[in-house]
Amino acid sequence: MTETAVEIKAGSKSEQAYAAVKARIVEGTYTPGYRLVLAKIAEDLGFSVVPVREAIRRLEAEGLVKFERNVGATVSGIDPTEYLYTMQTLSIVEGAATALSAPLIGGADIARARAVNQEMRECLEHFDPVRFTQLNQDFHSVLFEHCPNPHILDLVHRGWNRLASLRSSTFRFVPGRAKESVEEHEALLQLIENNADADEIEKAARRHRSATLDAYLAQTKH
């Protein structure tokens, strides 16, 4: 049973419809510009149109859906400016969190991060950008979750949540960046293992995040 299927079993029909449609938007099943036909979605879920309409209105309030004249409800596009600001902010706060976490990261954590990075490497063979993005978050979570400063950690979580709401998988647009990302992950792990200076670790983490942003911006220019 898929995670989406598990999610939609709980709550009211409106909540279930909301969870199901949002999951399809986030996972990329419903891509930007996709027309959301309420009757079809209701039929797929086995609901009436009423709870689906309520779910769509809620998603509109969150910015994931918009209503277009003579078209109806469609999936919102990704706002490149919002993405830029989110990635710039995340590069700063996640770099700091990783540096502060480094002295607290043990051998078991390194092994776990390497195992995730290996999954990412294997994912390159039959590339799935959504899966790769999830693994990427799992990897970085190991590196920043030990951050002793709760305020910085909160900002990191907010940044990742904002990326999720933007449905942003940069790797979907620049798949070539994925291989570089895996190699940079290993370099970060080696810095932490070798007890590198906090400043060096922070700069490496920031460069890693900035390189992904740069790849996306270069692609959008074309």
Protein backbone atom coordinates (compact mmCIF):
# COMPACT_ATOMS: atom_id res chain seq x y z
CA MET A 1 0.00 0.00 0.00
CA THR A 2 1.40 3.40 -0.93
CA GLU A 3 1.96 6.20 1.54
CA THR A 4 -0.72 8.24 -0.21
CA ALA A 5 -3.21 5.40 0.19
CA VAL A 6 -2.42 5.22 3.91
CA GLU A 7 -2.82 8.98 4.30
CA ILE A 8 -6.24 9.21 2.69
CA LYS A 9 -7.79 6.64 5.00
CA ALA A 10 -7.79 9.06 7.94
CA GLY A 11 -9.96 12.09 8.57
CA SER A 12 -13.07 13.51 6.93
CA LYS A 13 -13.67 13.09 3.21
CA SER A 14 -12.57 16.68 2.72
CA GLU A 15 -9.33 15.94 4.59
CA GLN A 16 -8.84 12.75 2.61
CA ALA A 17 -9.37 14.56 -0.69
CA TYR A 18 -6.99 17.31 0.40
CA ALA A 19 -4.26 14.82 1.35
CA ALA A 20 -4.67 12.84 -1.87
CA VAL A 21 -4.63 15.81 -4.25
CA LYS A 22 -1.78 17.54 -2.41
CA ALA A 23 0.29 14.35 -2.52
CA ARG A 24 -0.21 14.08 -6.28
CA ILE A 25 0.87 17.70 -6.72
CA VAL A 26 3.95 17.34 -4.52
CA GLU A 27 4.96 14.03 -6.13
CA GLY A 28 4.62 15.57 -9.59
CA THR A 29 1.71 13.41 -10.77
CA TYR A 30 -0.20 16.65 -11.24
CA THR A 31 2.34 18.94 -12.90
CA PRO A 32 2.23 22.78 -13.08
CA GLY A 33 -0.63 23.82 -15.36
CA TYR A 34 -2.45 20.50 -14.97
CA ARG A 35 -6.23 21.04 -15.06
CA LEU A 36 -7.95 19.68 -11.97
CA VAL A 37 -11.30 18.29 -13.10
CA LEU A 38 -13.27 17.98 -9.89
CA ALA A 39 -15.69 15.33 -11.16
CA LYS A 40 -12.82 13.11 -12.36
CA ILE A 41 -10.90 13.46 -9.09
CA ALA A 42 -14.07 12.71 -7.12
CA GLU A 43 -14.66 9.61 -9.22
CA ASP A 44 -11.06 8.43 -8.70
CA LEU A 45 -11.39 8.85 -4.93
CA GLY A 46 -14.92 7.46 -4.72
CA PHE A 47 -16.27 10.69 -3.25
CA SER A 48 -18.86 13.26 -4.23
CA VAL A 49 -17.66 16.53 -5.73
CA VAL A 50 -18.34 18.52 -2.52
CA PRO A 51 -15.33 17.37 -0.44
CA VAL A 52 -13.06 17.63 -3.49
CA ARG A 53 -14.18 21.21 -4.05
CA GLU A 54 -13.41 22.01 -0.40
CA ALA A 55 -9.98 20.43 -0.77
CA ILE A 56 -9.24 22.42 -3.92
CA ARG A 57 -10.20 25.67 -2.17
CA ARG A 58 -7.83 24.83 0.67
CA LEU A 59 -5.03 24.09 -1.79
CA GLU A 60 -5.76 27.40 -3.52
CA ALA A 61 -5.30 29.21 -0.20
CA GLU A 62 -1.91 27.49 0.14
CA GLY A 63 -0.88 28.62 -3.33
CA LEU A 64 -0.71 25.13 -4.81
CA VAL A 65 -3.79 25.63 -6.99
CA LYS A 66 -5.11 28.62 -8.90
CA PHE A 67 -8.36 29.32 -10.73
CA GLU A 68 -8.11 30.52 -14.33
CA ARG A 69 -10.96 32.13 -16.18
CA ASN A 70 -12.62 29.79 -18.68
CA VAL A 71 -10.30 27.00 -17.53
CA GLY A 72 -11.07 26.28 -13.90
CA ALA A 73 -8.70 24.94 -11.26
CA THR A 74 -5.13 24.24 -12.36
CA VAL A 75 -1.92 23.36 -10.54
CA SER A 76 0.13 26.49 -9.86
CA GLY A 77 3.52 26.90 -11.46
CA ILE A 78 6.71 27.06 -9.45
CA ASP A 79 7.59 30.66 -8.60
CA PRO A 80 11.28 31.04 -9.60
CA THR A 81 11.77 34.09 -7.39
CA GLU A 82 10.41 32.29 -4.33
CA TYR A 83 12.63 29.32 -5.15
CA LEU A 84 15.67 31.61 -5.45
CA TYR A 85 15.07 33.24 -2.07
CA THR A 86 14.36 29.92 -0.37
CA MET A 87 17.54 28.30 -1.69
CA GLN A 88 19.67 31.33 -0.82
CA THR A 89 18.35 31.32 2.73
CA LEU A 90 18.68 27.57 3.07
CA SER A 91 22.31 27.63 1.92
CA ILE A 92 23.12 29.99 4.80
CA VAL A 93 21.16 28.38 7.63
CA GLU A 94 21.80 24.77 6.59
CA GLY A 95 25.51 25.49 6.20
CA ALA A 96 25.59 26.87 9.74
CA ALA A 97 23.53 23.97 11.10
CA THR A 98 25.82 21.40 9.45
CA ALA A 99 28.93 23.07 10.86
CA LEU A 100 27.44 23.20 14.37
CA SER A 101 26.32 19.57 14.09
CA ALA A 102 29.68 18.26 12.88
CA PRO A 103 31.31 17.70 16.32
CA LEU A 104 28.21 15.77 17.43
CA ILE A 105 28.02 13.48 14.39
CA GLY A 106 29.23 9.99 15.31
CA GLY A 107 30.36 6.98 13.32
CA ALA A 108 26.86 5.52 13.16
CA ASP A 109 25.55 8.77 11.71
CA ILE A 110 28.30 8.82 9.08
CA ALA A 111 27.50 5.22 8.15
CA ARG A 112 23.79 6.04 7.85
CA ALA A 113 24.49 9.07 5.67
CA ARG A 114 26.81 7.01 3.45
CA ALA A 115 24.14 4.33 3.06
CA VAL A 116 21.64 6.97 1.92
CA ASN A 117 24.18 8.46 -0.45
CA GLN A 118 24.78 5.00 -1.91
CA GLU A 119 21.04 4.71 -2.55
CA MET A 120 21.24 8.04 -4.33
CA ARG A 121 24.12 6.76 -6.43
CA GLU A 122 22.10 3.67 -7.39
CA CYS A 123 19.11 5.89 -8.15
CA LEU A 124 21.17 7.58 -10.86
CA GLU A 125 20.96 4.45 -13.03
CA HIS A 126 17.19 4.68 -13.46
CA PHE A 127 16.71 8.28 -12.48
CA ASP A 128 13.65 9.16 -10.42
CA PRO A 129 13.87 12.85 -9.42
CA VAL A 130 11.18 12.59 -6.74
CA ARG A 131 12.88 9.61 -5.08
CA PHE A 132 16.29 11.25 -5.43
CA THR A 133 15.01 14.44 -3.81
CA GLN A 134 13.60 12.51 -0.84
CA LEU A 135 16.89 10.66 -0.38
CA ASN A 136 18.71 13.99 -0.64
CA GLN A 137 16.66 15.35 2.24
CA ASP A 138 17.29 12.17 4.25
CA PHE A 139 21.03 12.58 3.71
CA HIS A 140 21.15 16.20 4.77
CA SER A 141 18.93 15.52 7.78
CA VAL A 142 21.67 13.30 9.21
CA LEU A 143 24.12 16.18 8.87
CA PHE A 144 22.05 19.00 10.35
CA GLU A 145 19.71 17.32 12.87
CA HIS A 146 22.34 17.36 15.64
CA CYS A 147 22.50 21.15 15.47
CA PRO A 148 22.41 22.35 19.12
CA ASN A 149 20.89 25.72 18.18
CA PRO A 150 17.11 25.16 17.99
CA HIS A 151 16.47 28.47 16.24
CA ILE A 152 18.82 27.68 13.37
CA LEU A 153 17.42 24.16 13.14
CA ASP A 154 13.89 25.56 12.96
CA LEU A 155 14.92 27.80 10.07
CA VAL A 156 16.38 24.80 8.23
CA HIS A 157 13.16 22.84 8.64
CA ARG A 158 11.17 25.84 7.43
CA GLY A 159 13.37 26.04 4.35
CA TRP A 160 12.90 22.37 3.48
CA ASN A 161 9.14 22.65 4.06
CA ARG A 162 9.00 25.66 1.76
CA LEU A 163 10.81 23.71 -0.94
CA ALA A 164 8.27 20.92 -0.54
CA SER A 165 5.40 23.39 -0.89
CA LEU A 166 7.05 24.70 -4.06
CA ARG A 167 7.14 21.10 -5.31
CA SER A 168 10.75 21.79 -6.07
CA SER A 169 12.88 18.96 -7.33
CA THR A 170 15.71 20.81 -9.01
CA PHE A 171 16.95 17.44 -10.21
CA ARG A 172 13.83 17.14 -12.36
CA PHE A 173 15.04 20.15 -14.35
CA VAL A 174 18.79 19.57 -14.17
CA PRO A 175 19.27 15.80 -13.79
CA GLY A 176 22.97 16.19 -14.58
CA ARG A 177 23.38 17.96 -11.24
CA ALA A 178 22.43 14.76 -9.39
CA LYS A 179 25.74 12.96 -10.00
CA GLU A 180 27.73 16.00 -8.86
CA SER A 181 25.57 16.21 -5.76
CA VAL A 182 26.38 12.63 -4.74
CA GLU A 183 30.12 13.30 -5.06
CA GLU A 184 29.83 16.50 -3.03
CA HIS A 185 28.01 14.55 -0.32
CA GLU A 186 30.97 12.21 0.04
CA ALA A 187 33.34 15.18 0.24
CA LEU A 188 31.23 16.66 3.04
CA LEU A 189 31.31 13.38 4.95
CA GLN A 190 35.07 13.22 4.64
CA LEU A 191 35.43 16.73 6.03
CA ILE A 192 33.31 15.78 9.04
CA GLU A 193 35.19 12.50 9.55
CA ASN A 194 38.52 14.33 9.45
CA ASN A 195 37.37 16.89 12.02
CA ALA A 196 37.81 19.79 9.63
CA ASP A 197 37.34 23.34 10.91
CA ALA A 198 33.74 24.42 11.34
CA ASP A 199 34.33 27.27 8.89
CA GLU A 200 35.54 24.85 6.20
CA ILE A 201 32.54 22.55 6.71
CA GLU A 202 30.11 25.47 6.61
CA LYS A 203 31.61 26.83 3.39
CA ALA A 204 31.50 23.39 1.75
CA ALA A 205 27.85 22.90 2.75
CA ARG A 206 26.95 26.35 1.43
CA ARG A 207 28.81 25.78 -1.86
CA HIS A 208 26.96 22.49 -2.26
CA ARG A 209 23.57 24.12 -1.86
CA SER A 210 24.51 27.12 -4.00
CA ALA A 211 25.72 24.86 -6.82
CA THR A 212 22.27 23.32 -7.07
CA LEU A 213 20.69 26.76 -7.22
CA ASP A 214 23.20 27.89 -9.85
CA ALA A 215 22.44 24.83 -12.00
CA TYR A 216 18.71 25.59 -11.82
CA LEU A 217 19.19 29.27 -12.68
CA ALA A 218 21.44 28.39 -15.62
CA GLN A 219 18.80 26.00 -16.92
CA THR A 220 15.97 28.54 -16.61
CA LYS A 221 17.99 31.08 -18.62
CA HIS A 222 17.92 28.65 -21.55
